[in-house]
């Protein structure tokens, strides 16, 4: 299902913004004469045309998504729904929690394996300027239509099971698949002891201990700031 956005003026830029994004983006886009559509996007954070989606992450979230494997769960969904994917990483560079070799490997995978564009901006203003520029280029220069895909690609049962396992800390697609192949089901993975987890290839003691602590730990409401 898809929704075409029509402003009634082919020379007016339109930007679809996920409802969770900061309202300051709306202010910037409107100051440039754009029409802003606030929507609940299933995939990505900003739509610049029918074919271009922007996924925005802070520096800290970008690094965390590499550590926990979330980034490489999101990218397949983005590239399967849009022809052009822009991964925008916002914020000043600080001391990284990831060594240089690992982070360069992640950069390489984003671009070479998934074909996504990787762009760094220093702050929200610079991000907004870039997103608007992409939307303007797409809609006015390239004459691309603007539409929202309201439904993400349906996952197979196996893909959905792997996606669940990938939500565990420090578990990426390969390890999630290895866990499911070894234990046979999501329930069996969650029920596995620390010792049993260690029997899976690429599963170290630190990782197994952290996984068990997340599965068995008591939920702390005060730590959930949503």
Protein backbone atom coordinates (compact mmCIF):
# COMPACT_ATOMS: atom_id res chain seq x y z
CA UNK A 1 0.00 0.00 0.00
CA UNK A 2 1.33 3.45 -0.88
CA UNK A 3 0.15 7.03 -0.51
CA UNK A 4 1.04 9.75 -3.03
CA UNK A 5 1.65 13.18 -1.53
CA UNK A 6 0.36 16.03 -3.68
CA UNK A 7 0.78 19.66 -2.68
CA UNK A 8 -1.04 20.93 -5.74
CA UNK A 9 2.20 22.58 -6.89
CA UNK A 10 4.86 20.64 -8.77
CA UNK A 11 7.48 23.22 -7.75
CA UNK A 12 6.94 22.69 -4.03
CA UNK A 13 9.25 20.30 -2.23
CA UNK A 14 7.63 17.76 0.09
CA UNK A 15 9.33 15.87 2.90
CA UNK A 16 7.77 13.01 4.85
CA UNK A 17 9.07 12.97 8.41
CA UNK A 18 8.61 10.14 10.89
CA UNK A 19 6.44 11.21 13.83
CA UNK A 20 9.25 10.41 16.31
CA UNK A 21 11.70 12.91 14.80
CA UNK A 22 12.34 16.32 16.39
CA UNK A 23 9.86 19.07 15.37
CA UNK A 24 12.82 21.36 14.66
CA UNK A 25 13.15 19.52 11.36
CA UNK A 26 9.66 20.70 10.42
CA UNK A 27 10.64 24.30 11.20
CA UNK A 28 13.69 24.11 8.96
CA UNK A 29 11.91 22.46 6.02
CA UNK A 30 9.02 24.93 6.21
CA UNK A 31 11.48 27.85 6.33
CA UNK A 32 12.73 26.62 2.96
CA UNK A 33 9.21 26.59 1.54
CA UNK A 34 8.69 22.83 1.80
CA UNK A 35 5.51 21.02 2.80
CA UNK A 36 6.06 18.65 5.71
CA UNK A 37 4.03 15.47 6.17
CA UNK A 38 4.24 13.95 9.66
CA UNK A 39 3.63 10.22 9.36
CA UNK A 40 4.40 6.95 11.16
CA UNK A 41 7.06 5.58 8.83
CA UNK A 42 7.62 1.84 9.03
CA UNK A 43 10.99 2.12 7.28
CA UNK A 44 13.45 5.00 7.65
CA UNK A 45 13.11 8.45 9.20
CA UNK A 46 12.73 10.81 6.22
CA UNK A 47 11.40 10.26 2.70
CA UNK A 48 12.76 12.54 0.00
CA UNK A 49 11.02 10.85 -2.94
CA UNK A 50 9.46 7.54 -3.90
CA UNK A 51 12.93 6.05 -4.23
CA UNK A 52 15.07 7.82 -1.57
CA UNK A 53 14.86 7.17 2.17
CA UNK A 54 17.08 8.65 4.88
CA UNK A 55 17.84 6.78 8.10
CA UNK A 56 19.19 9.21 10.73
CA UNK A 57 21.28 8.11 13.70
CA UNK A 58 23.27 9.94 16.32
CA UNK A 59 26.94 8.97 16.56
CA UNK A 60 26.29 7.08 19.78
CA UNK A 61 23.29 5.21 18.38
CA UNK A 62 25.17 4.38 15.20
CA UNK A 63 28.00 2.77 17.17
CA UNK A 64 25.58 0.94 19.47
CA UNK A 65 23.68 -0.39 16.44
CA UNK A 66 26.96 -1.83 15.14
CA UNK A 67 27.76 -3.43 18.51
CA UNK A 68 24.35 -5.04 18.98
CA UNK A 69 23.86 -5.90 15.28
CA UNK A 70 20.72 -3.77 14.94
CA UNK A 71 22.15 -1.80 12.02
CA UNK A 72 22.53 -4.93 9.91
CA UNK A 73 18.95 -5.93 10.68
CA UNK A 74 17.64 -2.54 9.55
CA UNK A 75 19.63 -2.22 6.33
CA UNK A 76 18.08 -5.21 4.48
CA UNK A 77 14.62 -3.80 5.15
CA UNK A 78 15.64 -0.35 3.95
CA UNK A 79 17.27 -1.53 0.72
CA UNK A 80 14.42 -3.93 -0.06
CA UNK A 81 11.90 -1.08 0.09
CA UNK A 82 13.81 1.81 -1.49
CA UNK A 83 16.09 2.16 -4.48
CA UNK A 84 18.37 4.66 -2.72
CA UNK A 85 19.21 4.48 0.99
CA UNK A 86 21.07 7.25 2.80
CA UNK A 87 22.45 6.47 6.25
CA UNK A 88 23.01 9.82 7.96
CA UNK A 89 25.17 9.82 11.10
CA UNK A 90 24.85 13.01 13.12
CA UNK A 91 27.14 14.48 15.77
CA UNK A 92 30.73 15.39 16.47
CA UNK A 93 33.26 12.57 16.55
CA UNK A 94 34.21 11.55 20.09
CA UNK A 95 36.15 8.69 21.64
CA UNK A 96 34.77 5.55 20.00
CA UNK A 97 33.76 2.38 21.83
CA UNK A 98 34.68 0.40 18.70
CA UNK A 99 38.21 -0.12 17.46
CA UNK A 100 39.17 1.43 14.13
CA UNK A 101 39.36 -1.88 12.26
CA UNK A 102 35.84 -2.88 13.29
CA UNK A 103 34.25 0.47 12.52
CA UNK A 104 35.93 0.65 9.09
CA UNK A 105 34.60 -2.85 8.45
CA UNK A 106 31.09 -1.63 9.31
CA UNK A 107 31.48 1.38 7.01
CA UNK A 108 32.60 -0.93 4.21
CA UNK A 109 29.66 -3.29 4.74
CA UNK A 110 27.11 -0.44 4.73
CA UNK A 111 28.38 0.80 1.37
CA UNK A 112 29.68 -2.32 -0.39
CA UNK A 113 27.30 -5.02 0.87
CA UNK A 114 24.10 -2.96 1.05
CA UNK A 115 24.83 -0.18 -1.45
CA UNK A 116 23.78 2.53 1.01
CA UNK A 117 25.27 6.02 1.10
CA UNK A 118 27.00 6.83 4.40
CA UNK A 119 27.09 10.55 5.27
CA UNK A 120 28.26 12.30 8.44
CA UNK A 121 26.89 15.64 9.67
CA UNK A 122 27.94 17.70 12.67
CA UNK A 123 24.47 18.68 13.98
CA UNK A 124 20.72 18.75 13.36
CA UNK A 125 20.89 21.92 11.24
CA UNK A 126 23.37 20.34 8.87
CA UNK A 127 21.27 17.17 8.71
CA UNK A 128 18.12 19.14 7.88
CA UNK A 129 19.96 21.10 5.19
CA UNK A 130 21.19 17.89 3.57
CA UNK A 131 17.81 16.13 3.72
CA UNK A 132 16.05 19.13 2.16
CA UNK A 133 18.71 19.32 -0.57
CA UNK A 134 18.17 15.65 -1.45
CA UNK A 135 14.39 16.10 -1.55
CA UNK A 136 14.72 19.18 -3.75
CA UNK A 137 17.07 17.40 -6.15
CA UNK A 138 14.82 14.35 -6.36
CA UNK A 139 11.53 16.14 -6.84
CA UNK A 140 12.48 19.26 -8.81
CA UNK A 141 15.60 18.24 -10.74
CA UNK A 142 14.91 14.52 -11.25
CA UNK A 143 11.08 14.82 -11.27
CA UNK A 144 10.72 11.82 -8.98
CA UNK A 145 7.24 11.30 -7.48
CA UNK A 146 6.73 11.53 -3.74
CA UNK A 147 4.93 8.65 -2.10
CA UNK A 148 4.93 6.79 1.17
CA UNK A 149 5.11 3.03 1.40
CA UNK A 150 2.88 2.39 4.37
CA UNK A 151 3.77 -1.23 4.88
CA UNK A 152 7.16 -2.83 5.29
CA UNK A 153 8.19 -5.95 3.45
CA UNK A 154 6.68 -9.08 5.00
CA UNK A 155 9.26 -11.35 6.60
CA UNK A 156 9.20 -15.11 6.32
CA UNK A 157 8.78 -17.06 9.57
CA UNK A 158 12.51 -17.85 9.60
CA UNK A 159 13.45 -14.21 9.01
CA UNK A 160 11.11 -13.10 11.79
CA UNK A 161 12.68 -15.65 14.15
CA UNK A 162 16.16 -14.42 13.29
CA UNK A 163 15.07 -10.81 13.77
CA UNK A 164 13.90 -11.66 17.30
CA UNK A 165 17.24 -13.26 18.18
CA UNK A 166 19.10 -10.26 16.70
CA UNK A 167 17.53 -8.02 19.35
CA UNK A 168 19.78 -9.71 21.93
CA UNK A 169 22.91 -7.70 22.85
CA UNK A 170 25.98 -8.25 20.63
CA UNK A 171 24.07 -10.61 18.34
CA UNK A 172 24.21 -9.89 14.61
CA UNK A 173 22.61 -11.76 11.69
CA UNK A 174 25.28 -14.48 11.44
CA UNK A 175 25.33 -15.30 15.14
CA UNK A 176 21.50 -15.20 15.31
CA UNK A 177 21.35 -17.73 12.48
CA UNK A 178 23.97 -19.87 14.20
CA UNK A 179 22.00 -19.84 17.45
CA UNK A 180 18.78 -20.86 15.71
CA UNK A 181 20.50 -23.60 13.73
CA UNK A 182 22.09 -24.93 16.92
CA UNK A 183 19.05 -24.78 19.24
CA UNK A 184 16.25 -25.10 16.69
CA UNK A 185 13.81 -22.45 17.92
CA UNK A 186 13.54 -19.01 19.50
CA UNK A 187 12.24 -20.54 22.71
CA UNK A 188 15.21 -22.91 22.93
CA UNK A 189 17.67 -20.05 22.44
CA UNK A 190 16.04 -18.05 25.22
CA UNK A 191 16.01 -21.11 27.48
CA UNK A 192 19.66 -22.03 26.89
CA UNK A 193 22.03 -21.74 29.81
CA UNK A 194 25.24 -19.74 29.67
CA UNK A 195 27.20 -23.00 29.29
CA UNK A 196 24.94 -24.16 26.46
CA UNK A 197 25.29 -20.81 24.66
CA UNK A 198 29.08 -21.20 24.78
CA UNK A 199 28.80 -24.30 22.57
CA UNK A 200 27.82 -22.05 19.64
CA UNK A 201 30.60 -20.83 17.35
CA UNK A 202 31.69 -17.18 17.90
CA UNK A 203 29.98 -17.06 21.30
CA UNK A 204 32.42 -15.84 23.94
CA UNK A 205 31.96 -15.88 27.71
CA UNK A 206 31.28 -12.15 27.95
CA UNK A 207 28.61 -12.30 25.26
CA UNK A 208 26.91 -15.40 26.72
CA UNK A 209 26.84 -13.85 30.19
CA UNK A 210 25.34 -10.60 28.86
CA UNK A 211 22.65 -12.46 26.89
CA UNK A 212 21.61 -14.47 29.94
CA UNK A 213 21.53 -11.34 32.10
CA UNK A 214 19.18 -9.62 29.64
CA UNK A 215 16.87 -12.65 29.36
CA UNK A 216 16.68 -13.38 33.10
CA UNK A 217 17.16 -9.89 34.57
CA UNK A 218 14.32 -8.09 36.34
CA UNK A 219 12.77 -5.27 34.31
CA UNK A 220 13.73 -1.87 35.80
CA UNK A 221 11.07 0.70 34.94
CA UNK A 222 13.30 3.63 35.87
CA UNK A 223 15.84 2.57 33.23
CA UNK A 224 13.25 2.67 30.46
CA UNK A 225 13.06 6.31 29.41
CA UNK A 226 10.56 5.98 26.56
